[in-house]
Amino acid sequence: MKNRYYISGKISGIEEEAPKHFERAEKFLVARGLFPVNPMKIEHNHKGYWTDYMKSDIKVLCDCDGIYMLNNWQDSKGAKIEFQLAKDLELNIIFE
């Protein structure tokens, strides 16, 4: 599937409100004919440590064509890592 865009942004510390940010991003991408990949909806089969989430999510990101950076991405250690990886892999980057 082409035009898969991984959504990247802050989750840790805002677990209650994060889903609405990611869902809004999904709708934005779909409206533009793109296929969103929401890390909050990825099945994670591990113990729930931050590093476990990152390892799973990075694997998914590597199969995407681009990344969509939420406005709060710079407040997230994980999103900064995802941004740098996307940049190094020369994925298309869209900023909210």
PDB file of N, CA and C in Angstrom:
ATOM      1  N   MET A   1       0.844  -1.185   0.000  1.00  0.00           N
ATOM      2  CA  MET A   1       0.000   0.000   0.000  1.00  0.00           C
ATOM      3  C   MET A   1       0.886   1.244   0.000  1.00  0.00           C
ATOM      4  N   LYS A   2       0.659   2.113  -0.916  1.00  0.00           N
ATOM      5  CA  LYS A   2       1.444   3.351  -1.025  1.00  0.00           C
ATOM      6  C   LYS A   2       0.794   4.466  -0.207  1.00  0.00           C
ATOM      7  N   ASN A   3       1.559   5.501  -0.002  1.00  0.00           N
ATOM      8  CA  ASN A   3       1.085   6.696   0.707  1.00  0.00           C
ATOM      9  C   ASN A   3       0.690   6.427   2.152  1.00  0.00           C
ATOM     10  N   ARG A   4       1.435   5.540   2.800  1.00  0.00           N
ATOM     11  CA  ARG A   4       1.219   5.273   4.232  1.00  0.00           C
ATOM     12  C   ARG A   4       2.001   6.304   5.025  1.00  0.00           C
ATOM     13  N   TYR A   5       1.306   6.979   5.926  1.00  0.00           N
ATOM     14  CA  TYR A   5       1.924   8.009   6.746  1.00  0.00           C
ATOM     15  C   TYR A   5       1.787   7.667   8.216  1.00  0.00           C
ATOM     16  N   TYR A   6       2.922   7.529   8.867  1.00  0.00           N
ATOM     17  CA  TYR A   6       2.986   7.263  10.300  1.00  0.00           C
ATOM     18  C   TYR A   6       2.733   8.576  11.041  1.00  0.00           C
ATOM     19  N   ILE A   7       1.877   8.547  12.032  1.00  0.00           N
ATOM     20  CA  ILE A   7       1.574   9.745  12.828  1.00  0.00           C
ATOM     21  C   ILE A   7       2.483   9.752  14.050  1.00  0.00           C
ATOM     22  N   SER A   8       3.172  10.856  14.243  1.00  0.00           N
ATOM     23  CA  SER A   8       4.133  10.963  15.336  1.00  0.00           C
ATOM     24  C   SER A   8       3.827  12.182  16.197  1.00  0.00           C
ATOM     25  N   GLY A   9       3.819  11.968  17.496  1.00  0.00           N
ATOM     26  CA  GLY A   9       3.578  13.076  18.422  1.00  0.00           C
ATOM     27  C   GLY A   9       3.690  12.594  19.855  1.00  0.00           C
ATOM     28  N   LYS A  10       3.472  13.503  20.742  1.00  0.00           N
ATOM     29  CA  LYS A  10       3.588  13.221  22.176  1.00  0.00           C
ATOM     30  C   LYS A  10       2.433  12.332  22.636  1.00  0.00           C
ATOM     31  N   ILE A  11       2.790  11.301  23.401  1.00  0.00           N
ATOM     32  CA  ILE A  11       1.793  10.431  24.033  1.00  0.00           C
ATOM     33  C   ILE A  11       2.057  10.392  25.542  1.00  0.00           C
ATOM     34  N   SER A  12       3.310  10.127  25.914  1.00  0.00           N
ATOM     35  CA  SER A  12       3.659  10.014  27.330  1.00  0.00           C
ATOM     36  C   SER A  12       3.345  11.308  28.069  1.00  0.00           C
ATOM     37  N   GLY A  13       2.604  11.158  29.162  1.00  0.00           N
ATOM     38  CA  GLY A  13       2.257  12.311  29.979  1.00  0.00           C
ATOM     39  C   GLY A  13       0.924  12.946  29.608  1.00  0.00           C
ATOM     40  N   ILE A  14       0.418  12.619  28.415  1.00  0.00           N
ATOM     41  CA  ILE A  14      -0.899  13.149  28.005  1.00  0.00           C
ATOM     42  C   ILE A  14      -1.772  12.004  27.469  1.00  0.00           C
ATOM     43  N   GLU A  15      -1.687  10.860  28.126  1.00  0.00           N
ATOM     44  CA  GLU A  15      -2.388   9.661  27.661  1.00  0.00           C
ATOM     45  C   GLU A  15      -3.891   9.862  27.496  1.00  0.00           C
ATOM     46  N   GLU A  16      -4.480  10.721  28.311  1.00  0.00           N
ATOM     47  CA  GLU A  16      -5.930  10.957  28.238  1.00  0.00           C
ATOM     48  C   GLU A  16      -6.314  11.717  26.969  1.00  0.00           C
ATOM     49  N   GLU A  17      -5.549  12.745  26.626  1.00  0.00           N
ATOM     50  CA  GLU A  17      -5.909  13.585  25.479  1.00  0.00           C
ATOM     51  C   GLU A  17      -5.225  13.193  24.172  1.00  0.00           C
ATOM     52  N   ALA A  18      -4.171  12.401  24.241  1.00  0.00           N
ATOM     53  CA  ALA A  18      -3.427  12.028  23.030  1.00  0.00           C
ATOM     54  C   ALA A  18      -4.297  11.368  21.956  1.00  0.00           C
ATOM     55  N   PRO A  19      -5.214  10.451  22.323  1.00  0.00           N
ATOM     56  CA  PRO A  19      -6.000   9.803  21.266  1.00  0.00           C
ATOM     57  C   PRO A  19      -6.735  10.781  20.351  1.00  0.00           C
ATOM     58  N   LYS A  20      -7.251  11.867  20.897  1.00  0.00           N
ATOM     59  CA  LYS A  20      -7.986  12.815  20.041  1.00  0.00           C
ATOM     60  C   LYS A  20      -7.047  13.519  19.065  1.00  0.00           C
ATOM     61  N   HIS A  21      -5.807  13.780  19.463  1.00  0.00           N
ATOM     62  CA  HIS A  21      -4.832  14.390  18.553  1.00  0.00           C
ATOM     63  C   HIS A  21      -4.506  13.444  17.392  1.00  0.00           C
ATOM     64  N   PHE A  22      -4.323  12.182  17.717  1.00  0.00           N
ATOM     65  CA  PHE A  22      -3.985  11.192  16.698  1.00  0.00           C
ATOM     66  C   PHE A  22      -5.176  10.906  15.783  1.00  0.00           C
ATOM     67  N   GLU A  23      -6.375  10.881  16.346  1.00  0.00           N
ATOM     68  CA  GLU A  23      -7.576  10.666  15.528  1.00  0.00           C
ATOM     69  C   GLU A  23      -7.799  11.836  14.567  1.00  0.00           C
ATOM     70  N   ARG A  24      -7.565  13.054  15.036  1.00  0.00           N
ATOM     71  CA  ARG A  24      -7.688  14.231  14.174  1.00  0.00           C
ATOM     72  C   ARG A  24      -6.691  14.146  13.021  1.00  0.00           C
ATOM     73  N   ALA A  25      -5.480  13.693  13.325  1.00  0.00           N
ATOM     74  CA  ALA A  25      -4.460  13.534  12.289  1.00  0.00           C
ATOM     75  C   ALA A  25      -4.879  12.467  11.275  1.00  0.00           C
ATOM     76  N   GLU A  26      -5.479  11.386  11.752  1.00  0.00           N
ATOM     77  CA  GLU A  26      -5.965  10.339  10.846  1.00  0.00           C
ATOM     78  C   GLU A  26      -6.959  10.930   9.847  1.00  0.00           C
ATOM     79  N   LYS A  27      -7.917  11.686  10.347  1.00  0.00           N
ATOM     80  CA  LYS A  27      -8.941  12.290   9.484  1.00  0.00           C
ATOM     81  C   LYS A  27      -8.306  13.239   8.469  1.00  0.00           C
ATOM     82  N   PHE A  28      -7.331  14.009   8.894  1.00  0.00           N
ATOM     83  CA  PHE A  28      -6.625  14.944   8.011  1.00  0.00           C
ATOM     84  C   PHE A  28      -5.958  14.178   6.865  1.00  0.00           C
ATOM     85  N   LEU A  29      -5.260  13.109   7.194  1.00  0.00           N
ATOM     86  CA  LEU A  29      -4.540  12.335   6.181  1.00  0.00           C
ATOM     87  C   LEU A  29      -5.499  11.639   5.219  1.00  0.00           C
ATOM     88  N   VAL A  30      -6.549  11.050   5.750  1.00  0.00           N
ATOM     89  CA  VAL A  30      -7.537  10.374   4.902  1.00  0.00           C
ATOM     90  C   VAL A  30      -8.169  11.366   3.930  1.00  0.00           C
ATOM     91  N   ALA A  31      -8.467  12.575   4.395  1.00  0.00           N
ATOM     92  CA  ALA A  31      -9.076  13.600   3.547  1.00  0.00           C
ATOM     93  C   ALA A  31      -8.164  13.986   2.381  1.00  0.00           C
ATOM     94  N   ARG A  32      -6.888  13.705   2.501  1.00  0.00           N
ATOM     95  CA  ARG A  32      -5.919  14.014   1.447  1.00  0.00           C
ATOM     96  C   ARG A  32      -5.534  12.778   0.636  1.00  0.00           C
ATOM     97  N   GLY A  33      -6.280  11.717   0.812  1.00  0.00           N
ATOM     98  CA  GLY A  33      -6.034  10.503   0.038  1.00  0.00           C
ATOM     99  C   GLY A  33      -4.858   9.683   0.522  1.00  0.00           C
ATOM    100  N   LEU A  34      -4.434   9.906   1.746  1.00  0.00           N
ATOM    101  CA  LEU A  34      -3.303   9.184   2.317  1.00  0.00           C
ATOM    102  C   LEU A  34      -3.813   8.139   3.307  1.00  0.00           C
ATOM    103  N   PHE A  35      -2.971   7.182   3.638  1.00  0.00           N
ATOM    104  CA  PHE A  35      -3.339   6.106   4.550  1.00  0.00           C
ATOM    105  C   PHE A  35      -2.605   6.290   5.873  1.00  0.00           C
ATOM    106  N   PRO A  36      -3.325   6.702   6.921  1.00  0.00           N
ATOM    107  CA  PRO A  36      -2.681   6.945   8.213  1.00  0.00           C
ATOM    108  C   PRO A  36      -2.311   5.658   8.943  1.00  0.00           C
ATOM    109  N   VAL A  37      -1.197   5.732   9.647  1.00  0.00           N
ATOM    110  CA  VAL A  37      -0.766   4.651  10.527  1.00  0.00           C
ATOM    111  C   VAL A  37      -0.666   5.271  11.918  1.00  0.00           C
ATOM    112  N   ASN A  38      -1.613   4.911  12.753  1.00  0.00           N
ATOM    113  CA  ASN A  38      -1.715   5.481  14.092  1.00  0.00           C
ATOM    114  C   ASN A  38      -1.036   4.554  15.092  1.00  0.00           C
ATOM    115  N   PRO A  39       0.078   4.986  15.695  1.00  0.00           N
ATOM    116  CA  PRO A  39       0.790   4.115  16.629  1.00  0.00           C
ATOM    117  C   PRO A  39      -0.037   3.760  17.864  1.00  0.00           C
ATOM    118  N   MET A  40      -1.064   4.552  18.143  1.00  0.00           N
ATOM    119  CA  MET A  40      -1.913   4.249  19.296  1.00  0.00           C
ATOM    120  C   MET A  40      -2.841   3.070  19.006  1.00  0.00           C
ATOM    121  N   LYS A  41      -2.915   2.679  17.729  1.00  0.00           N
ATOM    122  CA  LYS A  41      -3.778   1.561  17.343  1.00  0.00           C
ATOM    123  C   LYS A  41      -2.981   0.325  16.939  1.00  0.00           C
ATOM    124  N   ILE A  42      -1.661   0.403  17.051  1.00  0.00           N
ATOM    125  CA  ILE A  42      -0.809  -0.740  16.741  1.00  0.00           C
ATOM    126  C   ILE A  42      -0.899  -1.738  17.891  1.00  0.00           C
ATOM    127  N   GLU A  43      -1.021  -3.019  17.550  1.00  0.00           N
ATOM    128  CA  GLU A  43      -1.040  -4.045  18.590  1.00  0.00           C
ATOM    129  C   GLU A  43       0.375  -4.197  19.137  1.00  0.00           C
ATOM    130  N   HIS A  44       0.515  -3.979  20.417  1.00  0.00           N
ATOM    131  CA  HIS A  44       1.808  -4.069  21.073  1.00  0.00           C
ATOM    132  C   HIS A  44       1.793  -5.291  21.998  1.00  0.00           C
ATOM    133  N   ASN A  45       2.586  -6.281  21.654  1.00  0.00           N
ATOM    134  CA  ASN A  45       2.674  -7.498  22.465  1.00  0.00           C
ATOM    135  C   ASN A  45       3.982  -7.501  23.232  1.00  0.00           C
ATOM    136  N   HIS A  46       3.992  -6.776  24.337  1.00  0.00           N
ATOM    137  CA  HIS A  46       5.192  -6.696  25.157  1.00  0.00           C
ATOM    138  C   HIS A  46       4.807  -6.273  26.562  1.00  0.00           C
ATOM    139  N   LYS A  47       5.792  -5.957  27.375  1.00  0.00           N
ATOM    140  CA  LYS A  47       5.542  -5.642  28.782  1.00  0.00           C
ATOM    141  C   LYS A  47       5.103  -4.199  29.026  1.00  0.00           C
ATOM    142  N   GLY A  48       5.099  -3.381  27.991  1.00  0.00           N
ATOM    143  CA  GLY A  48       4.598  -2.022  28.147  1.00  0.00           C
ATOM    144  C   GLY A  48       5.626  -0.978  28.536  1.00  0.00           C
ATOM    145  N   TYR A  49       6.893  -1.308  28.420  1.00  0.00           N
ATOM    146  CA  TYR A  49       7.928  -0.314  28.687  1.00  0.00           C
ATOM    147  C   TYR A  49       8.046   0.630  27.491  1.00  0.00           C
ATOM    148  N   TRP A  50       8.490   1.853  27.738  1.00  0.00           N
ATOM    149  CA  TRP A  50       8.642   2.841  26.677  1.00  0.00           C
ATOM    150  C   TRP A  50       9.515   2.290  25.549  1.00  0.00           C
ATOM    151  N   THR A  51      10.611   1.641  25.892  1.00  0.00           N
ATOM    152  CA  THR A  51      11.510   1.101  24.859  1.00  0.00           C
ATOM    153  C   THR A  51      10.814   0.040  24.014  1.00  0.00           C
ATOM    154  N   ASP A  52       9.935  -0.740  24.634  1.00  0.00           N
ATOM    155  CA  ASP A  52       9.175  -1.745  23.877  1.00  0.00           C
ATOM    156  C   ASP A  52       8.273  -1.073  22.848  1.00  0.00           C
ATOM    157  N   TYR A  53       7.585  -0.020  23.258  1.00  0.00           N
ATOM    158  CA  TYR A  53       6.724   0.723  22.328  1.00  0.00           C
ATOM    159  C   TYR A  53       7.546   1.292  21.179  1.00  0.00           C
ATOM    160  N   MET A  54       8.671   1.875  21.497  1.00  0.00           N
ATOM    161  CA  MET A  54       9.508   2.486  20.459  1.00  0.00           C
ATOM    162  C   MET A  54       9.996   1.450  19.454  1.00  0.00           C
ATOM    163  N   LYS A  55      10.449   0.318  19.929  1.00  0.00           N
ATOM    164  CA  LYS A  55      10.949  -0.722  19.016  1.00  0.00           C
ATOM    165  C   LYS A  55       9.842  -1.185  18.071  1.00  0.00           C
ATOM    166  N   SER A  56       8.648  -1.388  18.597  1.00  0.00           N
ATOM    167  CA  SER A  56       7.512  -1.805  17.759  1.00  0.00           C
ATOM    168  C   SER A  56       7.140  -0.722  16.761  1.00  0.00           C
ATOM    169  N   ASP A  57       7.057   0.502  17.247  1.00  0.00           N
ATOM    170  CA  ASP A  57       6.621   1.612  16.397  1.00  0.00           C
ATOM    171  C   ASP A  57       7.633   1.927  15.303  1.00  0.00           C
ATOM    172  N   ILE A  58       8.906   1.842  15.615  1.00  0.00           N
ATOM    173  CA  ILE A  58       9.940   2.119  14.613  1.00  0.00           C
ATOM    174  C   ILE A  58       9.889   1.095  13.483  1.00  0.00           C
ATOM    175  N   LYS A  59       9.596  -0.158  13.817  1.00  0.00           N
ATOM    176  CA  LYS A  59       9.447  -1.178  12.773  1.00  0.00           C
ATOM    177  C   LYS A  59       8.335  -0.796  11.812  1.00  0.00           C
ATOM    178  N   VAL A  60       7.232  -0.306  12.356  1.00  0.00           N
ATOM    179  CA  VAL A  60       6.092   0.100  11.527  1.00  0.00           C
ATOM    180  C   VAL A  60       6.454   1.340  10.706  1.00  0.00           C
ATOM    181  N   LEU A  61       7.100   2.303  11.329  1.00  0.00           N
ATOM    182  CA  LEU A  61       7.505   3.528  10.641  1.00  0.00           C
ATOM    183  C   LEU A  61       8.364   3.200   9.416  1.00  0.00           C
ATOM    184  N   CYS A  62       9.241   2.223   9.548  1.00  0.00           N
ATOM    185  CA  CYS A  62      10.142   1.867   8.438  1.00  0.00           C
ATOM    186  C   CYS A  62       9.398   1.348   7.217  1.00  0.00           C
ATOM    187  N   ASP A  63       8.169   0.915   7.380  1.00  0.00           N
ATOM    188  CA  ASP A  63       7.361   0.432   6.256  1.00  0.00           C
ATOM    189  C   ASP A  63       6.457   1.511   5.682  1.00  0.00           C
ATOM    190  N   CYS A  64       6.589   2.734   6.168  1.00  0.00           N
ATOM    191  CA  CYS A  64       5.742   3.837   5.704  1.00  0.00           C
ATOM    192  C   CYS A  64       6.468   4.675   4.648  1.00  0.00           C
ATOM    193  N   ASP A  65       5.685   5.454   3.921  1.00  0.00           N
ATOM    194  CA  ASP A  65       6.220   6.338   2.881  1.00  0.00           C
ATOM    195  C   ASP A  65       6.506   7.732   3.420  1.00  0.00           C
ATOM    196  N   GLY A  66       5.914   8.034   4.568  1.00  0.00           N
ATOM    197  CA  GLY A  66       6.090   9.359   5.138  1.00  0.00           C
ATOM    198  C   GLY A  66       5.698   9.371   6.598  1.00  0.00           C
ATOM    199  N   ILE A  67       5.871  10.543   7.186  1.00  0.00           N
ATOM    200  CA  ILE A  67       5.534  10.738   8.597  1.00  0.00           C
ATOM    201  C   ILE A  67       4.792  12.053   8.732  1.00  0.00           C
ATOM    202  N   TYR A  68       3.801  12.045   9.595  1.00  0.00           N
ATOM    203  CA  TYR A  68       3.018  13.253   9.891  1.00  0.00           C
ATOM    204  C   TYR A  68       3.321  13.646  11.321  1.00  0.00           C
ATOM    205  N   MET A  69       3.945  14.802  11.488  1.00  0.00           N
ATOM    206  CA  MET A  69       4.379  15.263  12.802  1.00  0.00           C
ATOM    207  C   MET A  69       3.321  16.165  13.434  1.00  0.00           C
ATOM    208  N   LEU A  70       2.774  15.726  14.562  1.00  0.00           N
ATOM    209  CA  LEU A  70       1.825  16.553  15.302  1.00  0.00           C
ATOM    210  C   LEU A  70       2.539  17.774  15.861  1.00  0.00           C
ATOM    211  N   ASN A  71       1.778  18.810  16.170  1.00  0.00           N
ATOM    212  CA  ASN A  71       2.370  20.056  16.672  1.00  0.00           C
ATOM    213  C   ASN A  71       3.229  19.856  17.919  1.00  0.00           C
ATOM    214  N   ASN A  72       2.887  18.885  18.744  1.00  0.00           N
ATOM    215  CA  ASN A  72       3.596  18.688  20.013  1.00  0.00           C
ATOM    216  C   ASN A  72       4.789  17.737  19.912  1.00  0.00           C
ATOM    217  N   TRP A  73       5.204  17.398  18.708  1.00  0.00           N
ATOM    218  CA  TRP A  73       6.243  16.375  18.538  1.00  0.00           C
ATOM    219  C   TRP A  73       7.558  16.736  19.208  1.00  0.00           C
ATOM    220  N   GLN A  74       7.872  18.013  19.280  1.00  0.00           N
ATOM    221  CA  GLN A  74       9.160  18.403  19.865  1.00  0.00           C
ATOM    222  C   GLN A  74       9.186  18.252  21.385  1.00  0.00           C
ATOM    223  N   ASP A  75       8.021  17.975  21.976  1.00  0.00           N
ATOM    224  CA  ASP A  75       7.938  17.737  23.418  1.00  0.00           C
ATOM    225  C   ASP A  75       8.032  16.248  23.748  1.00  0.00           C
ATOM    226  N   SER A  76       8.342  15.437  22.750  1.00  0.00           N
ATOM    227  CA  SER A  76       8.355  13.987  22.916  1.00  0.00           C
ATOM    228  C   SER A  76       9.700  13.400  22.512  1.00  0.00           C
ATOM    229  N   LYS A  77      10.329  12.711  23.427  1.00  0.00           N
ATOM    230  CA  LYS A  77      11.600  12.033  23.128  1.00  0.00           C
ATOM    231  C   LYS A  77      11.411  11.040  21.980  1.00  0.00           C
ATOM    232  N   GLY A  78      10.335  10.266  22.028  1.00  0.00           N
ATOM    233  CA  GLY A  78      10.075   9.273  20.994  1.00  0.00           C
ATOM    234  C   GLY A  78       9.820   9.885  19.632  1.00  0.00           C
ATOM    235  N   ALA A  79       9.023  10.950  19.593  1.00  0.00           N
ATOM    236  CA  ALA A  79       8.718  11.608  18.316  1.00  0.00           C
ATOM    237  C   ALA A  79       9.973  12.227  17.713  1.00  0.00           C
ATOM    238  N   LYS A  80      10.875  12.723  18.549  1.00  0.00           N
ATOM    239  CA  LYS A  80      12.132  13.269  18.029  1.00  0.00           C
ATOM    240  C   LYS A  80      12.962  12.165  17.366  1.00  0.00           C
ATOM    241  N   ILE A  81      12.959  10.995  17.972  1.00  0.00           N
ATOM    242  CA  ILE A  81      13.674   9.851  17.394  1.00  0.00           C
ATOM    243  C   ILE A  81      13.018   9.457  16.069  1.00  0.00           C
ATOM    244  N   GLU A  82      11.688   9.395  16.053  1.00  0.00           N
ATOM    245  CA  GLU A  82      10.957   9.035  14.837  1.00  0.00           C
ATOM    246  C   GLU A  82      11.199  10.057  13.725  1.00  0.00           C
ATOM    247  N   PHE A  83      11.216  11.334  14.079  1.00  0.00           N
ATOM    248  CA  PHE A  83      11.477  12.387  13.094  1.00  0.00           C
ATOM    249  C   PHE A  83      12.861  12.211  12.475  1.00  0.00           C
ATOM    250  N   GLN A  84      13.862  12.014  13.321  1.00  0.00           N
ATOM    251  CA  GLN A  84      15.233  11.876  12.815  1.00  0.00           C
ATOM    252  C   GLN A  84      15.364  10.656  11.928  1.00  0.00           C
ATOM    253  N   LEU A  85      14.740   9.552  12.326  1.00  0.00           N
ATOM    254  CA  LEU A  85      14.784   8.338  11.513  1.00  0.00           C
ATOM    255  C   LEU A  85      14.108   8.580  10.163  1.00  0.00           C
ATOM    256  N   ALA A  86      12.937   9.205  10.177  1.00  0.00           N
ATOM    257  CA  ALA A  86      12.217   9.502   8.921  1.00  0.00           C
ATOM    258  C   ALA A  86      13.066  10.393   8.024  1.00  0.00           C
ATOM    259  N   LYS A  87      13.716  11.359   8.617  1.00  0.00           N
ATOM    260  CA  LYS A  87      14.595  12.263   7.856  1.00  0.00           C
ATOM    261  C   LYS A  87      15.764  11.487   7.247  1.00  0.00           C
ATOM    262  N   ASP A  88      16.393  10.651   8.053  1.00  0.00           N
ATOM    263  CA  ASP A  88      17.535   9.869   7.576  1.00  0.00           C
ATOM    264  C   ASP A  88      17.129   8.869   6.491  1.00  0.00           C
ATOM    265  N   LEU A  89      15.902   8.353   6.566  1.00  0.00           N
ATOM    266  CA  LEU A  89      15.409   7.407   5.570  1.00  0.00           C
ATOM    267  C   LEU A  89      14.810   8.111   4.350  1.00  0.00           C
ATOM    268  N   GLU A  90      14.845   9.439   4.385  1.00  0.00           N
ATOM    269  CA  GLU A  90      14.330  10.276   3.300  1.00  0.00           C
ATOM    270  C   GLU A  90      12.841  10.036   3.027  1.00  0.00           C
ATOM    271  N   LEU A  91      12.090   9.847   4.117  1.00  0.00           N
ATOM    272  CA  LEU A  91      10.641   9.752   3.996  1.00  0.00           C
ATOM    273  C   LEU A  91      10.070  11.158   3.828  1.00  0.00           C
ATOM    274  N   ASN A  92       8.909  11.251   3.237  1.00  0.00           N
ATOM    275  CA  ASN A  92       8.235  12.537   3.135  1.00  0.00           C
ATOM    276  C   ASN A  92       7.781  12.944   4.539  1.00  0.00           C
ATOM    277  N   ILE A  93       7.948  14.199   4.875  1.00  0.00           N
ATOM    278  CA  ILE A  93       7.583  14.685   6.220  1.00  0.00           C
ATOM    279  C   ILE A  93       6.557  15.794   6.061  1.00  0.00           C
ATOM    280  N   ILE A  94       5.437  15.628   6.770  1.00  0.00           N
ATOM    281  CA  ILE A  94       4.386  16.646   6.800  1.00  0.00           C
ATOM    282  C   ILE A  94       4.251  17.102   8.244  1.00  0.00           C
ATOM    283  N   PHE A  95       4.198  18.406   8.437  1.00  0.00           N
ATOM    284  CA  PHE A  95       4.021  18.969   9.774  1.00  0.00           C
ATOM    285  C   PHE A  95       2.587  19.466   9.921  1.00  0.00           C
ATOM    286  N   GLU A  96       2.016  19.209  11.097  1.00  0.00           N
ATOM    287  CA  GLU A  96       0.667  19.674  11.396  1.00  0.00           C
ATOM    288  C   GLU A  96       0.613  21.197  11.342  1.00  0.00           C
TER     289      GLU A  96
END
